[in-house]
N, C-alpha and C. Protein backbone atom coordinates (compact mmCIF):
# COMPACT_ATOMS: atom_id res chain seq x y z
N UNK A 1 89.35 82.99 118.56
CA UNK A 1 88.60 83.75 117.58
C UNK A 1 89.18 85.16 117.46
N UNK A 2 89.31 85.60 116.23
CA UNK A 2 89.77 86.96 115.96
C UNK A 2 88.56 87.73 115.47
N UNK A 3 88.10 88.70 116.28
CA UNK A 3 86.94 89.50 115.89
C UNK A 3 87.38 90.57 114.90
N UNK A 4 86.80 90.53 113.71
CA UNK A 4 87.13 91.50 112.67
C UNK A 4 86.12 92.63 112.69
N UNK A 5 84.84 92.28 112.59
CA UNK A 5 83.75 93.25 112.72
C UNK A 5 82.75 92.66 113.70
N UNK A 6 81.60 93.32 113.86
CA UNK A 6 80.57 92.79 114.75
C UNK A 6 80.02 91.46 114.23
N UNK A 7 79.97 91.32 112.89
CA UNK A 7 79.37 90.13 112.29
C UNK A 7 80.39 89.10 111.85
N UNK A 8 81.64 89.48 111.70
CA UNK A 8 82.65 88.57 111.15
C UNK A 8 83.72 88.29 112.19
N UNK A 9 83.95 87.01 112.43
CA UNK A 9 85.03 86.57 113.31
C UNK A 9 85.73 85.40 112.61
N UNK A 10 87.05 85.44 112.60
CA UNK A 10 87.85 84.41 111.94
C UNK A 10 88.44 83.49 113.00
N UNK A 11 88.28 82.19 112.82
CA UNK A 11 88.87 81.23 113.75
C UNK A 11 90.38 81.21 113.55
N UNK A 12 91.11 81.06 114.63
CA UNK A 12 92.57 81.09 114.56
C UNK A 12 93.13 79.89 113.80
N UNK A 13 92.40 78.77 113.77
CA UNK A 13 92.90 77.61 113.03
C UNK A 13 92.75 77.77 111.51
N UNK A 14 92.04 78.82 111.06
CA UNK A 14 91.94 79.10 109.62
C UNK A 14 93.18 79.83 109.10
N UNK A 15 93.95 80.40 110.03
CA UNK A 15 95.14 81.15 109.65
C UNK A 15 96.37 80.26 109.85
N UNK A 16 97.20 80.20 108.82
CA UNK A 16 98.43 79.41 108.90
C UNK A 16 99.61 80.39 108.88
N UNK A 17 100.46 80.29 109.89
CA UNK A 17 101.62 81.16 109.99
C UNK A 17 102.89 80.35 109.75
N UNK A 18 103.71 80.79 108.80
CA UNK A 18 105.00 80.16 108.53
C UNK A 18 106.07 81.21 108.80
N UNK A 19 107.18 80.78 109.36
CA UNK A 19 108.26 81.70 109.68
C UNK A 19 109.45 81.42 108.77
N UNK A 20 109.92 82.46 108.12
CA UNK A 20 111.03 82.34 107.18
C UNK A 20 112.09 83.38 107.52
N UNK A 21 113.26 83.20 106.96
CA UNK A 21 114.33 84.17 107.19
C UNK A 21 114.04 85.43 106.39
N UNK A 22 114.21 86.55 107.05
CA UNK A 22 113.95 87.83 106.41
C UNK A 22 115.21 88.34 105.73
N UNK A 23 115.02 89.14 104.69
CA UNK A 23 116.15 89.81 104.06
C UNK A 23 116.34 91.16 104.71
N UNK A 24 117.38 91.85 104.36
CA UNK A 24 117.58 93.20 104.85
C UNK A 24 118.53 93.28 106.01
N UNK A 25 118.54 94.43 106.72
CA UNK A 25 119.51 94.65 107.78
C UNK A 25 119.27 93.74 108.98
N UNK A 26 120.29 93.54 109.77
CA UNK A 26 120.16 92.69 110.95
C UNK A 26 121.44 91.94 111.22
N UNK A 27 122.40 92.02 110.31
CA UNK A 27 123.71 91.39 110.53
C UNK A 27 123.60 89.89 110.62
N UNK A 28 124.38 89.33 111.55
CA UNK A 28 124.42 87.87 111.69
C UNK A 28 123.08 87.33 112.18
N UNK A 29 122.36 88.14 112.95
CA UNK A 29 121.07 87.72 113.51
C UNK A 29 120.09 87.32 112.41
N UNK A 30 120.06 88.09 111.32
CA UNK A 30 119.10 87.85 110.25
C UNK A 30 119.39 86.53 109.53
N UNK A 31 120.64 86.09 109.58
CA UNK A 31 121.01 84.83 108.92
C UNK A 31 120.66 83.61 109.76
N UNK A 32 120.44 83.81 111.07
CA UNK A 32 120.22 82.67 111.95
C UNK A 32 118.76 82.46 112.34
N UNK A 33 117.99 83.56 112.41
CA UNK A 33 116.65 83.49 113.01
C UNK A 33 115.59 83.76 111.94
N UNK A 34 114.54 82.94 111.95
CA UNK A 34 113.43 83.11 111.01
C UNK A 34 112.43 84.09 111.62
N UNK A 35 112.60 85.38 111.31
CA UNK A 35 111.74 86.39 111.92
C UNK A 35 110.59 86.83 111.01
N UNK A 36 110.74 86.67 109.70
CA UNK A 36 109.67 87.09 108.78
C UNK A 36 108.50 86.12 108.88
N UNK A 37 107.29 86.64 108.72
CA UNK A 37 106.08 85.83 108.84
C UNK A 37 105.34 85.79 107.52
N UNK A 38 104.96 84.58 107.11
CA UNK A 38 104.09 84.39 105.95
C UNK A 38 102.75 83.91 106.48
N UNK A 39 101.74 84.77 106.39
CA UNK A 39 100.40 84.42 106.86
C UNK A 39 99.61 83.93 105.66
N UNK A 40 98.97 82.77 105.80
CA UNK A 40 98.13 82.22 104.73
C UNK A 40 96.71 82.07 105.27
N UNK A 41 95.75 82.59 104.48
CA UNK A 41 94.34 82.52 104.86
C UNK A 41 93.54 82.08 103.64
N UNK A 42 92.88 80.93 103.77
CA UNK A 42 92.13 80.37 102.65
C UNK A 42 90.79 81.09 102.52
N UNK A 43 90.78 82.12 101.67
CA UNK A 43 89.58 82.94 101.48
C UNK A 43 88.48 82.13 100.80
N UNK A 44 88.84 81.34 99.80
CA UNK A 44 87.86 80.61 99.00
C UNK A 44 87.06 79.61 99.83
N UNK A 45 87.68 78.99 100.83
CA UNK A 45 87.00 77.94 101.60
C UNK A 45 86.71 78.33 103.05
N UNK A 46 86.82 79.61 103.37
CA UNK A 46 86.61 80.05 104.75
C UNK A 46 85.12 80.13 105.08
N UNK A 47 84.68 79.40 106.12
CA UNK A 47 83.27 79.49 106.51
C UNK A 47 82.96 80.78 107.26
N UNK A 48 83.97 81.52 107.66
CA UNK A 48 83.77 82.75 108.45
C UNK A 48 83.32 83.93 107.61
N UNK A 49 83.57 83.88 106.30
CA UNK A 49 83.30 85.04 105.46
C UNK A 49 82.00 84.89 104.67
N UNK A 50 81.15 85.93 104.67
CA UNK A 50 79.99 85.93 103.78
C UNK A 50 80.45 86.03 102.32
N UNK A 51 79.61 85.58 101.40
CA UNK A 51 80.00 85.56 99.98
C UNK A 51 80.37 86.93 99.44
N UNK A 52 79.61 87.96 99.81
CA UNK A 52 79.89 89.31 99.30
C UNK A 52 81.26 89.80 99.77
N UNK A 53 81.59 89.53 101.03
CA UNK A 53 82.88 89.95 101.58
C UNK A 53 84.00 89.15 100.90
N UNK A 54 83.75 87.87 100.67
CA UNK A 54 84.74 87.01 100.01
C UNK A 54 85.09 87.56 98.62
N UNK A 55 84.08 87.98 97.86
CA UNK A 55 84.33 88.52 96.51
C UNK A 55 85.11 89.82 96.57
N UNK A 56 84.70 90.73 97.49
CA UNK A 56 85.41 92.01 97.60
C UNK A 56 86.84 91.80 98.09
N UNK A 57 87.04 90.85 98.99
CA UNK A 57 88.38 90.56 99.51
C UNK A 57 89.28 90.02 98.41
N UNK A 58 88.73 89.17 97.54
CA UNK A 58 89.49 88.64 96.42
C UNK A 58 89.91 89.77 95.49
N UNK A 59 89.02 90.74 95.26
CA UNK A 59 89.35 91.89 94.43
C UNK A 59 90.43 92.75 95.08
N UNK A 60 90.28 93.00 96.38
CA UNK A 60 91.23 93.86 97.09
C UNK A 60 92.63 93.24 97.19
N UNK A 61 92.68 91.92 97.34
CA UNK A 61 93.96 91.25 97.57
C UNK A 61 94.88 91.33 96.37
N UNK A 62 94.32 91.27 95.16
CA UNK A 62 95.13 91.40 93.95
C UNK A 62 96.18 90.31 93.83
N UNK A 63 97.45 90.70 93.76
CA UNK A 63 98.55 89.75 93.57
C UNK A 63 98.83 88.91 94.81
N UNK A 64 98.31 89.32 95.95
CA UNK A 64 98.54 88.55 97.18
C UNK A 64 97.69 87.29 97.22
N UNK A 65 96.74 87.15 96.30
CA UNK A 65 95.85 85.99 96.25
C UNK A 65 96.40 84.96 95.27
N UNK A 66 96.48 83.69 95.70
CA UNK A 66 96.95 82.64 94.80
C UNK A 66 95.79 82.15 93.94
N UNK A 67 96.09 81.33 92.96
CA UNK A 67 95.04 80.79 92.08
C UNK A 67 94.07 79.90 92.84
N UNK A 68 94.53 79.29 93.93
CA UNK A 68 93.66 78.40 94.73
C UNK A 68 92.75 79.18 95.68
N UNK A 69 92.91 80.51 95.72
CA UNK A 69 92.08 81.34 96.58
C UNK A 69 92.65 81.52 97.98
N UNK A 70 93.98 81.40 98.11
CA UNK A 70 94.64 81.58 99.40
C UNK A 70 95.31 82.95 99.43
N UNK A 71 95.00 83.73 100.45
CA UNK A 71 95.60 85.04 100.62
C UNK A 71 96.92 84.89 101.37
N UNK A 72 98.00 85.45 100.82
CA UNK A 72 99.32 85.36 101.44
C UNK A 72 99.77 86.77 101.81
N UNK A 73 100.03 86.97 103.09
CA UNK A 73 100.54 88.25 103.58
C UNK A 73 101.91 88.00 104.18
N UNK A 74 102.91 88.74 103.71
CA UNK A 74 104.28 88.60 104.22
C UNK A 74 104.61 89.82 105.06
N UNK A 75 105.02 89.58 106.31
CA UNK A 75 105.39 90.67 107.22
C UNK A 75 106.85 90.50 107.62
N UNK A 76 107.67 91.49 107.27
CA UNK A 76 109.08 91.44 107.65
C UNK A 76 109.59 92.81 108.05
N UNK A 77 108.65 93.65 108.51
CA UNK A 77 108.99 95.03 108.86
C UNK A 77 109.86 95.10 110.12
N UNK A 78 109.59 94.23 111.06
CA UNK A 78 110.28 94.28 112.35
C UNK A 78 111.34 93.18 112.45
N UNK A 79 112.22 93.33 113.43
CA UNK A 79 113.27 92.32 113.63
C UNK A 79 112.83 91.22 114.57
N UNK A 80 111.67 91.39 115.18
CA UNK A 80 111.19 90.36 116.11
C UNK A 80 110.05 89.58 115.46
N UNK A 81 110.07 88.28 115.71
CA UNK A 81 109.06 87.39 115.13
C UNK A 81 107.67 87.74 115.65
N UNK A 82 107.57 88.07 116.92
CA UNK A 82 106.27 88.37 117.54
C UNK A 82 105.66 89.64 116.94
N UNK A 83 106.47 90.67 116.74
CA UNK A 83 105.96 91.91 116.14
C UNK A 83 105.52 91.67 114.71
N UNK A 84 106.26 90.86 113.97
CA UNK A 84 105.88 90.55 112.59
C UNK A 84 104.59 89.73 112.55
N UNK A 85 104.42 88.84 113.51
CA UNK A 85 103.19 88.04 113.59
C UNK A 85 101.99 88.97 113.83
N UNK A 86 102.14 89.90 114.79
CA UNK A 86 101.07 90.85 115.08
C UNK A 86 100.77 91.72 113.87
N UNK A 87 101.82 92.17 113.18
CA UNK A 87 101.66 93.01 112.00
C UNK A 87 100.89 92.28 110.90
N UNK A 88 101.23 91.01 110.66
CA UNK A 88 100.56 90.23 109.62
C UNK A 88 99.08 90.03 109.95
N UNK A 89 98.77 89.71 111.19
CA UNK A 89 97.37 89.49 111.60
C UNK A 89 96.59 90.81 111.51
N UNK A 90 97.21 91.91 111.94
CA UNK A 90 96.54 93.22 111.86
C UNK A 90 96.27 93.61 110.41
N UNK A 91 97.20 93.32 109.51
CA UNK A 91 96.99 93.63 108.10
C UNK A 91 95.86 92.79 107.52
N UNK A 92 95.77 91.52 107.93
CA UNK A 92 94.65 90.66 107.49
C UNK A 92 93.33 91.23 107.99
N UNK A 93 93.28 91.63 109.25
CA UNK A 93 92.05 92.19 109.83
C UNK A 93 91.63 93.44 109.08
N UNK A 94 92.59 94.34 108.80
CA UNK A 94 92.27 95.57 108.07
C UNK A 94 91.75 95.29 106.67
N UNK A 95 92.36 94.30 106.02
CA UNK A 95 91.94 93.94 104.66
C UNK A 95 90.50 93.40 104.68
N UNK A 96 90.18 92.55 105.66
CA UNK A 96 88.82 92.00 105.76
C UNK A 96 87.83 93.10 106.12
N UNK A 97 88.23 94.03 107.02
CA UNK A 97 87.34 95.15 107.37
C UNK A 97 87.04 96.02 106.16
N UNK A 98 88.06 96.26 105.35
CA UNK A 98 87.85 97.06 104.15
C UNK A 98 86.89 96.35 103.20
N UNK A 99 87.05 95.03 103.08
CA UNK A 99 86.17 94.25 102.20
C UNK A 99 84.76 94.17 102.76
N UNK A 100 84.62 94.29 104.08
CA UNK A 100 83.30 94.17 104.70
C UNK A 100 82.45 95.41 104.51
N UNK A 101 83.09 96.56 104.27
CA UNK A 101 82.30 97.77 104.05
C UNK A 101 81.72 97.75 102.64
N UNK A 102 80.43 97.98 102.56
CA UNK A 102 79.74 97.95 101.27
C UNK A 102 80.00 99.26 100.55
N UNK A 103 80.56 99.18 99.33
CA UNK A 103 80.85 100.43 98.61
C UNK A 103 79.58 101.16 98.22
N UNK A 104 79.63 102.49 98.32
CA UNK A 104 78.48 103.30 97.97
C UNK A 104 78.36 103.35 96.45
N UNK A 105 77.18 103.09 95.89
CA UNK A 105 77.05 103.10 94.43
C UNK A 105 77.24 104.51 93.88
N UNK A 106 77.94 104.60 92.77
CA UNK A 106 78.21 105.90 92.15
C UNK A 106 76.99 106.36 91.38
N UNK A 107 76.57 107.60 91.63
CA UNK A 107 75.46 108.18 90.87
C UNK A 107 76.03 109.11 89.84
N UNK A 108 75.54 109.01 88.62
CA UNK A 108 76.01 109.89 87.56
C UNK A 108 75.63 111.32 87.89
N UNK A 109 76.54 112.22 87.61
CA UNK A 109 76.23 113.63 87.79
C UNK A 109 76.47 114.34 86.47
N UNK A 110 75.82 115.49 86.31
CA UNK A 110 76.06 116.21 85.07
C UNK A 110 76.47 117.62 85.43
N UNK A 111 77.39 118.20 84.66
CA UNK A 111 77.89 119.53 85.01
C UNK A 111 76.77 120.57 84.95
N UNK A 112 76.86 121.55 85.85
CA UNK A 112 75.84 122.60 85.88
C UNK A 112 76.03 123.54 84.70
N UNK A 113 75.02 124.33 84.43
CA UNK A 113 75.07 125.29 83.33
C UNK A 113 76.22 126.27 83.54
N UNK A 114 76.35 126.76 84.80
CA UNK A 114 77.39 127.76 85.11
C UNK A 114 78.79 127.17 84.93
N UNK A 115 78.98 125.91 85.34
CA UNK A 115 80.31 125.31 85.20
C UNK A 115 80.66 125.10 83.73
N UNK A 116 79.65 124.79 82.91
CA UNK A 116 79.90 124.67 81.46
C UNK A 116 80.29 126.02 80.87
N UNK A 117 79.61 127.09 81.32
CA UNK A 117 79.93 128.44 80.84
C UNK A 117 81.35 128.85 81.23
N UNK A 118 81.74 128.54 82.48
CA UNK A 118 83.10 128.86 82.93
C UNK A 118 84.14 128.11 82.11
N UNK A 119 83.88 126.84 81.84
CA UNK A 119 84.81 126.05 81.05
C UNK A 119 84.96 126.62 79.64
N UNK A 120 83.86 126.99 79.00
CA UNK A 120 83.92 127.54 77.64
C UNK A 120 84.59 128.92 77.63
N UNK A 121 84.35 129.71 78.67
CA UNK A 121 85.01 131.03 78.75
C UNK A 121 86.51 130.87 78.90
N UNK A 122 86.94 129.91 79.70
CA UNK A 122 88.38 129.66 79.87
C UNK A 122 89.00 129.19 78.56
N UNK A 123 88.26 128.37 77.80
CA UNK A 123 88.76 127.92 76.50
C UNK A 123 88.90 129.09 75.53
N UNK A 124 87.92 130.01 75.59
CA UNK A 124 87.98 131.18 74.70
C UNK A 124 89.18 132.07 75.05
N UNK A 125 89.41 132.28 76.38
CA UNK A 125 90.56 133.08 76.81
C UNK A 125 91.87 132.44 76.37
N UNK A 126 91.98 131.15 76.54
CA UNK A 126 93.21 130.44 76.16
C UNK A 126 93.42 130.53 74.65
N UNK A 127 92.35 130.37 73.91
CA UNK A 127 92.42 130.45 72.45
C UNK A 127 92.88 131.83 72.01
N UNK A 128 92.37 132.86 72.67
CA UNK A 128 92.75 134.24 72.34
C UNK A 128 94.23 134.47 72.62
N UNK A 129 94.72 133.96 73.75
CA UNK A 129 96.15 134.09 74.09
C UNK A 129 97.00 133.44 73.01
N UNK A 130 96.62 132.26 72.59
CA UNK A 130 97.40 131.54 71.57
C UNK A 130 97.31 132.24 70.21
N UNK A 131 96.14 132.82 69.92
CA UNK A 131 95.98 133.53 68.64
C UNK A 131 96.89 134.75 68.59
N UNK A 132 97.02 135.44 69.72
CA UNK A 132 97.85 136.63 69.77
C UNK A 132 99.35 136.32 69.67
N UNK A 133 99.73 135.09 69.97
CA UNK A 133 101.14 134.70 69.88
C UNK A 133 101.57 134.47 68.42
N UNK A 134 100.61 134.19 67.56
CA UNK A 134 100.94 133.90 66.15
C UNK A 134 101.49 135.13 65.45
N UNK A 135 102.24 134.86 64.38
CA UNK A 135 102.71 135.96 63.52
C UNK A 135 101.53 136.52 62.76
N UNK A 136 101.48 137.83 62.56
CA UNK A 136 100.35 138.41 61.82
C UNK A 136 100.38 138.00 60.36
N UNK A 137 99.19 137.79 59.78
CA UNK A 137 99.09 137.44 58.36
C UNK A 137 99.33 138.67 57.51
N UNK A 138 100.11 138.52 56.44
CA UNK A 138 100.37 139.67 55.55
C UNK A 138 99.63 139.55 54.27
């Protein structure tokens, strides 16, 4: 079990890890060893996630989410397979934690009287500067 928050824990069998060859520096080593990690997590069918978290996670994932509802995280930052595996799992945990926090509802605010006065005074000053730049009318 991977504990994400106090209420959410993801079973390790829900996560599928595939190892592929990474691009980038590494010389001959990069051509022989599959160090990059593709982590797949089925968000749509996961029993570990509450519905609200599932919806927010789908929104947060963006292009990383497939049409079938599978989240794909690719980790190829490190040259070692183990470090990339840890990186991919940590990124999944962070993404789920972010989705688990309930966003604070936005309350409409209205500008104060003083701030409106300052804004209009600044507009008048700017207008005066531009008026003085013009050629005088004859």
